[in-house]
Amino acid sequence: MPFVTIYRPDGVFLGTDSGVITAEQWIEEAKKLYADPRFVEPTRVLWDLRDATFEWPGTSVDAEVEFVRPERTQGRGRVATVVSTDLAFGVGHMFALKASQLEFEARVFREWAPAVEWIEEES
């Protein structure tokens, strides 16, 4: 199933996907997100990828972080990703560590409620 991203009334972008996700598909969805006129920093994004599996080349997320770097404008945003597999958690955690070099916070979660709580709190 392709990504579905909605803009919630509270200003949070909610993206969901199920099935297999590749790095290229994630980048294409991120491009759409950055093109949305409501994407103004500090933006909050909640990815629900609990029903997805990952096909990620190699053991790095450097290409994805380098893609994000010029796309983010100044300001501190937040990205929370909820996953259910160890591989997805590892990929998400690598991205969060690399993203700490950028102007936003990223965290990966295994459970929905803590992710929602974190994304909705004031940063």
N, C-alpha and C. Protein backbone atom coordinates (compact mmCIF):
# COMPACT_ATOMS: atom_id res chain seq x y z
N MET A 1 0.85 -1.18 0.00
CA MET A 1 0.00 0.00 0.00
C MET A 1 0.89 1.24 0.00
N PRO A 2 0.58 2.22 -0.80
CA PRO A 2 1.40 3.43 -0.82
C PRO A 2 1.17 4.27 0.45
N PHE A 3 2.08 5.16 0.68
CA PHE A 3 1.96 6.07 1.80
C PHE A 3 0.68 6.87 1.70
N VAL A 4 0.09 7.14 2.83
CA VAL A 4 -1.03 8.08 2.94
C VAL A 4 -0.64 9.06 4.03
N THR A 5 -0.62 10.34 3.70
CA THR A 5 -0.25 11.36 4.67
C THR A 5 -1.37 12.38 4.75
N ILE A 6 -1.78 12.67 5.98
CA ILE A 6 -2.83 13.66 6.21
C ILE A 6 -2.29 14.74 7.14
N TYR A 7 -2.92 15.89 7.09
CA TYR A 7 -2.58 17.00 7.98
C TYR A 7 -3.70 17.11 9.00
N ARG A 8 -3.37 16.85 10.26
CA ARG A 8 -4.37 16.88 11.32
C ARG A 8 -4.66 18.32 11.74
N PRO A 9 -5.83 18.57 12.30
CA PRO A 9 -6.18 19.92 12.76
C PRO A 9 -5.22 20.50 13.80
N ASP A 10 -4.53 19.62 14.54
CA ASP A 10 -3.59 20.12 15.55
C ASP A 10 -2.22 20.45 14.96
N GLY A 11 -2.08 20.37 13.63
CA GLY A 11 -0.84 20.75 12.98
C GLY A 11 0.17 19.63 12.82
N VAL A 12 -0.21 18.41 13.14
CA VAL A 12 0.69 17.27 12.98
C VAL A 12 0.40 16.58 11.66
N PHE A 13 1.46 16.30 10.90
CA PHE A 13 1.32 15.47 9.70
C PHE A 13 1.36 14.02 10.17
N LEU A 14 0.40 13.21 9.72
CA LEU A 14 0.35 11.79 10.06
C LEU A 14 0.51 11.00 8.78
N GLY A 15 1.60 10.23 8.69
CA GLY A 15 1.86 9.40 7.53
C GLY A 15 1.76 7.93 7.90
N THR A 16 1.08 7.16 7.07
CA THR A 16 0.96 5.72 7.32
C THR A 16 1.35 4.95 6.06
N ASP A 17 1.79 3.73 6.29
CA ASP A 17 2.09 2.84 5.18
C ASP A 17 2.06 1.42 5.70
N SER A 18 1.77 0.50 4.81
CA SER A 18 1.85 -0.92 5.13
C SER A 18 2.48 -1.61 3.94
N GLY A 19 2.95 -2.81 4.15
CA GLY A 19 3.64 -3.51 3.08
C GLY A 19 5.11 -3.19 3.12
N VAL A 20 5.76 -3.32 2.00
CA VAL A 20 7.21 -3.14 1.92
C VAL A 20 7.52 -1.68 1.59
N ILE A 21 8.45 -1.10 2.36
CA ILE A 21 8.90 0.27 2.11
C ILE A 21 10.38 0.21 1.74
N THR A 22 10.71 0.89 0.63
CA THR A 22 12.12 1.03 0.25
C THR A 22 12.57 2.44 0.59
N ALA A 23 13.87 2.63 0.60
CA ALA A 23 14.43 3.96 0.85
C ALA A 23 13.92 4.95 -0.20
N GLU A 24 13.84 4.49 -1.44
CA GLU A 24 13.38 5.37 -2.52
C GLU A 24 11.93 5.79 -2.32
N GLN A 25 11.08 4.87 -1.86
CA GLN A 25 9.68 5.23 -1.61
C GLN A 25 9.58 6.23 -0.47
N TRP A 26 10.38 6.05 0.57
CA TRP A 26 10.35 6.99 1.69
C TRP A 26 10.77 8.39 1.23
N ILE A 27 11.82 8.46 0.41
CA ILE A 27 12.28 9.77 -0.09
C ILE A 27 11.20 10.42 -0.94
N GLU A 28 10.52 9.66 -1.79
CA GLU A 28 9.45 10.23 -2.61
C GLU A 28 8.32 10.79 -1.73
N GLU A 29 7.97 10.08 -0.67
CA GLU A 29 6.93 10.58 0.23
C GLU A 29 7.40 11.82 0.97
N ALA A 30 8.66 11.84 1.37
CA ALA A 30 9.21 13.01 2.05
C ALA A 30 9.20 14.23 1.11
N LYS A 31 9.47 14.02 -0.17
CA LYS A 31 9.42 15.13 -1.14
C LYS A 31 8.02 15.74 -1.18
N LYS A 32 6.99 14.89 -1.19
CA LYS A 32 5.61 15.39 -1.19
C LYS A 32 5.32 16.18 0.08
N LEU A 33 5.80 15.66 1.19
CA LEU A 33 5.59 16.33 2.48
C LEU A 33 6.22 17.71 2.48
N TYR A 34 7.47 17.80 2.03
CA TYR A 34 8.17 19.09 2.00
C TYR A 34 7.53 20.07 1.03
N ALA A 35 6.86 19.57 0.00
CA ALA A 35 6.20 20.44 -0.98
C ALA A 35 4.85 20.97 -0.48
N ASP A 36 4.31 20.39 0.57
CA ASP A 36 3.02 20.83 1.11
C ASP A 36 3.18 22.23 1.70
N PRO A 37 2.35 23.18 1.31
CA PRO A 37 2.50 24.55 1.83
C PRO A 37 2.28 24.66 3.34
N ARG A 38 1.66 23.66 3.94
CA ARG A 38 1.47 23.68 5.40
C ARG A 38 2.71 23.20 6.14
N PHE A 39 3.70 22.71 5.41
CA PHE A 39 4.94 22.25 6.03
C PHE A 39 5.80 23.47 6.33
N VAL A 40 5.60 24.03 7.52
CA VAL A 40 6.32 25.22 7.96
C VAL A 40 6.94 24.89 9.31
N GLU A 41 8.24 25.16 9.45
CA GLU A 41 8.92 24.84 10.71
C GLU A 41 8.41 25.72 11.85
N PRO A 42 8.34 25.21 13.04
CA PRO A 42 8.67 23.84 13.39
C PRO A 42 7.51 22.90 13.10
N THR A 43 7.74 21.93 12.26
CA THR A 43 6.72 20.98 11.84
C THR A 43 6.85 19.70 12.65
N ARG A 44 5.70 19.08 12.92
CA ARG A 44 5.69 17.79 13.63
C ARG A 44 5.13 16.74 12.68
N VAL A 45 5.85 15.61 12.58
CA VAL A 45 5.46 14.53 11.69
C VAL A 45 5.42 13.23 12.50
N LEU A 46 4.34 12.49 12.36
CA LEU A 46 4.16 11.21 13.03
C LEU A 46 3.99 10.14 11.95
N TRP A 47 4.96 9.22 11.86
CA TRP A 47 4.91 8.13 10.89
C TRP A 47 4.41 6.88 11.59
N ASP A 48 3.31 6.31 11.10
CA ASP A 48 2.80 5.04 11.61
C ASP A 48 3.20 3.95 10.62
N LEU A 49 4.29 3.27 10.94
CA LEU A 49 4.81 2.23 10.05
C LEU A 49 4.77 0.87 10.72
N ARG A 50 3.82 0.70 11.64
CA ARG A 50 3.71 -0.56 12.37
C ARG A 50 3.35 -1.73 11.48
N ASP A 51 2.66 -1.48 10.37
CA ASP A 51 2.25 -2.56 9.46
C ASP A 51 3.15 -2.64 8.24
N ALA A 52 4.31 -2.03 8.31
CA ALA A 52 5.23 -1.99 7.17
C ALA A 52 6.47 -2.82 7.47
N THR A 53 7.10 -3.26 6.41
CA THR A 53 8.41 -3.88 6.51
C THR A 53 9.36 -3.06 5.65
N PHE A 54 10.64 -3.14 5.95
CA PHE A 54 11.63 -2.30 5.30
C PHE A 54 12.54 -3.12 4.41
N GLU A 55 12.79 -2.61 3.22
CA GLU A 55 13.85 -3.10 2.34
C GLU A 55 14.81 -1.93 2.20
N TRP A 56 15.85 -1.92 3.01
CA TRP A 56 16.77 -0.80 3.05
C TRP A 56 18.13 -1.27 2.57
N PRO A 57 18.70 -0.63 1.56
CA PRO A 57 19.99 -1.10 1.04
C PRO A 57 21.11 -0.77 2.04
N GLY A 58 22.03 -1.70 2.18
CA GLY A 58 23.18 -1.45 3.04
C GLY A 58 22.81 -1.33 4.50
N THR A 59 23.69 -0.73 5.24
CA THR A 59 23.49 -0.61 6.69
C THR A 59 23.56 0.84 7.12
N SER A 60 23.24 1.75 6.23
CA SER A 60 23.38 3.16 6.52
C SER A 60 22.15 3.93 6.09
N VAL A 61 21.93 5.06 6.72
CA VAL A 61 20.86 5.97 6.33
C VAL A 61 21.45 7.32 5.90
N ASP A 62 22.74 7.33 5.59
CA ASP A 62 23.40 8.59 5.22
C ASP A 62 22.72 9.28 4.04
N ALA A 63 22.35 8.51 3.01
CA ALA A 63 21.72 9.13 1.83
C ALA A 63 20.41 9.80 2.21
N GLU A 64 19.63 9.18 3.08
CA GLU A 64 18.34 9.74 3.48
C GLU A 64 18.55 11.01 4.31
N VAL A 65 19.54 10.99 5.19
CA VAL A 65 19.82 12.18 6.00
C VAL A 65 20.31 13.31 5.11
N GLU A 66 21.17 13.00 4.15
CA GLU A 66 21.66 14.04 3.24
C GLU A 66 20.53 14.60 2.38
N PHE A 67 19.54 13.77 2.05
CA PHE A 67 18.37 14.27 1.33
C PHE A 67 17.59 15.26 2.20
N VAL A 68 17.43 14.93 3.46
CA VAL A 68 16.63 15.76 4.37
C VAL A 68 17.33 17.08 4.67
N ARG A 69 18.64 17.07 4.80
CA ARG A 69 19.40 18.25 5.24
C ARG A 69 18.99 19.54 4.51
N PRO A 70 19.02 19.61 3.18
CA PRO A 70 18.67 20.89 2.53
C PRO A 70 17.17 21.17 2.50
N GLU A 71 16.36 20.16 2.77
CA GLU A 71 14.91 20.33 2.71
C GLU A 71 14.35 20.99 3.97
N ARG A 72 15.01 20.80 5.08
CA ARG A 72 14.50 21.36 6.33
C ARG A 72 14.89 22.83 6.40
N THR A 73 13.91 23.65 6.74
CA THR A 73 14.19 25.07 6.93
C THR A 73 14.54 25.30 8.39
N GLN A 74 14.96 26.50 8.71
CA GLN A 74 15.34 26.76 10.09
C GLN A 74 14.15 26.60 11.01
N GLY A 75 14.42 26.11 12.17
CA GLY A 75 13.37 25.87 13.15
C GLY A 75 13.47 24.45 13.64
N ARG A 76 12.93 24.20 14.80
CA ARG A 76 13.03 22.86 15.37
C ARG A 76 11.70 22.15 15.19
N GLY A 77 11.73 21.11 14.42
CA GLY A 77 10.56 20.27 14.25
C GLY A 77 10.79 18.95 14.95
N ARG A 78 9.77 18.11 14.91
CA ARG A 78 9.86 16.78 15.51
C ARG A 78 9.33 15.74 14.55
N VAL A 79 10.00 14.58 14.56
CA VAL A 79 9.55 13.44 13.77
C VAL A 79 9.52 12.23 14.70
N ALA A 80 8.35 11.61 14.80
CA ALA A 80 8.19 10.37 15.58
C ALA A 80 7.80 9.27 14.61
N THR A 81 8.48 8.15 14.71
CA THR A 81 8.18 7.01 13.85
C THR A 81 7.84 5.81 14.74
N VAL A 82 6.70 5.17 14.46
CA VAL A 82 6.27 4.01 15.22
C VAL A 82 6.41 2.79 14.33
N VAL A 83 7.16 1.79 14.81
CA VAL A 83 7.45 0.59 14.03
C VAL A 83 7.20 -0.65 14.88
N SER A 84 7.19 -1.80 14.21
CA SER A 84 6.93 -3.04 14.95
C SER A 84 8.03 -4.08 14.81
N THR A 85 8.97 -3.88 13.89
CA THR A 85 10.02 -4.89 13.70
C THR A 85 11.36 -4.38 14.18
N ASP A 86 12.24 -5.30 14.49
CA ASP A 86 13.58 -4.92 14.94
C ASP A 86 14.35 -4.18 13.85
N LEU A 87 14.23 -4.64 12.60
CA LEU A 87 14.93 -3.97 11.50
C LEU A 87 14.45 -2.53 11.36
N ALA A 88 13.15 -2.33 11.37
CA ALA A 88 12.60 -0.97 11.24
C ALA A 88 13.04 -0.10 12.42
N PHE A 89 13.07 -0.69 13.61
CA PHE A 89 13.51 0.07 14.78
C PHE A 89 14.98 0.48 14.61
N GLY A 90 15.80 -0.44 14.11
CA GLY A 90 17.20 -0.12 13.90
C GLY A 90 17.41 0.97 12.86
N VAL A 91 16.71 0.87 11.74
CA VAL A 91 16.81 1.90 10.70
C VAL A 91 16.34 3.24 11.24
N GLY A 92 15.21 3.23 11.94
CA GLY A 92 14.69 4.47 12.52
C GLY A 92 15.63 5.08 13.54
N HIS A 93 16.25 4.24 14.34
CA HIS A 93 17.18 4.73 15.36
C HIS A 93 18.43 5.32 14.71
N MET A 94 18.94 4.67 13.65
CA MET A 94 20.09 5.23 12.93
C MET A 94 19.74 6.60 12.36
N PHE A 95 18.55 6.72 11.78
CA PHE A 95 18.13 8.01 11.22
C PHE A 95 18.02 9.05 12.32
N ALA A 96 17.44 8.69 13.47
CA ALA A 96 17.28 9.64 14.57
C ALA A 96 18.64 10.13 15.06
N LEU A 97 19.60 9.24 15.16
CA LEU A 97 20.94 9.64 15.60
C LEU A 97 21.58 10.61 14.61
N LYS A 98 21.46 10.31 13.32
CA LYS A 98 22.02 11.19 12.30
C LYS A 98 21.26 12.52 12.23
N ALA A 99 19.95 12.46 12.44
CA ALA A 99 19.12 13.67 12.37
C ALA A 99 19.45 14.64 13.48
N SER A 100 20.05 14.17 14.56
CA SER A 100 20.40 15.07 15.65
C SER A 100 21.38 16.14 15.19
N GLN A 101 22.06 15.91 14.05
CA GLN A 101 22.96 16.90 13.47
C GLN A 101 22.18 18.00 12.75
N LEU A 102 20.90 17.76 12.48
CA LEU A 102 20.07 18.69 11.74
C LEU A 102 19.23 19.51 12.71
N GLU A 103 18.37 20.33 12.18
CA GLU A 103 17.57 21.24 13.01
C GLU A 103 16.23 20.66 13.42
N PHE A 104 16.18 19.38 13.75
CA PHE A 104 14.94 18.81 14.25
C PHE A 104 15.24 17.58 15.10
N GLU A 105 14.27 17.19 15.87
CA GLU A 105 14.40 16.02 16.72
C GLU A 105 13.67 14.85 16.07
N ALA A 106 14.26 13.67 16.16
CA ALA A 106 13.63 12.47 15.62
C ALA A 106 13.77 11.36 16.66
N ARG A 107 12.69 10.62 16.84
CA ARG A 107 12.70 9.47 17.74
C ARG A 107 11.92 8.34 17.11
N VAL A 108 12.29 7.13 17.46
CA VAL A 108 11.59 5.94 16.97
C VAL A 108 10.98 5.23 18.17
N PHE A 109 9.78 4.72 17.98
CA PHE A 109 9.01 4.09 19.06
C PHE A 109 8.50 2.74 18.59
N ARG A 110 8.27 1.86 19.56
CA ARG A 110 7.65 0.57 19.27
C ARG A 110 6.16 0.57 19.63
N GLU A 111 5.73 1.59 20.38
CA GLU A 111 4.33 1.67 20.81
C GLU A 111 3.75 3.03 20.42
N TRP A 112 2.46 3.02 20.09
CA TRP A 112 1.77 4.19 19.59
C TRP A 112 1.64 5.31 20.63
N ALA A 113 1.14 5.00 21.82
CA ALA A 113 0.82 6.03 22.81
C ALA A 113 2.03 6.91 23.18
N PRO A 114 3.20 6.34 23.46
CA PRO A 114 4.34 7.21 23.78
C PRO A 114 4.75 8.11 22.62
N ALA A 115 4.61 7.62 21.39
CA ALA A 115 4.96 8.44 20.22
C ALA A 115 4.01 9.62 20.10
N VAL A 116 2.73 9.37 20.26
CA VAL A 116 1.73 10.45 20.18
C VAL A 116 1.97 11.46 21.29
N GLU A 117 2.22 10.98 22.49
CA GLU A 117 2.48 11.89 23.61
C GLU A 117 3.68 12.78 23.33
N TRP A 118 4.75 12.19 22.81
CA TRP A 118 5.97 12.95 22.54
C TRP A 118 5.77 13.97 21.42
N ILE A 119 5.08 13.55 20.34
CA ILE A 119 4.90 14.45 19.19
C ILE A 119 3.97 15.61 19.54
N GLU A 120 3.05 15.38 20.47
CA GLU A 120 2.09 16.43 20.82
C GLU A 120 2.58 17.38 21.92
N GLU A 121 3.62 17.00 22.65
CA GLU A 121 4.11 17.89 23.72
C GLU A 121 4.86 19.06 23.11
N GLU A 122 4.91 20.13 23.84
CA GLU A 122 5.64 21.32 23.37
C GLU A 122 7.12 21.04 23.38
N SER A 123 7.79 21.36 22.29
CA SER A 123 9.24 21.12 22.23
C SER A 123 9.99 22.37 22.60
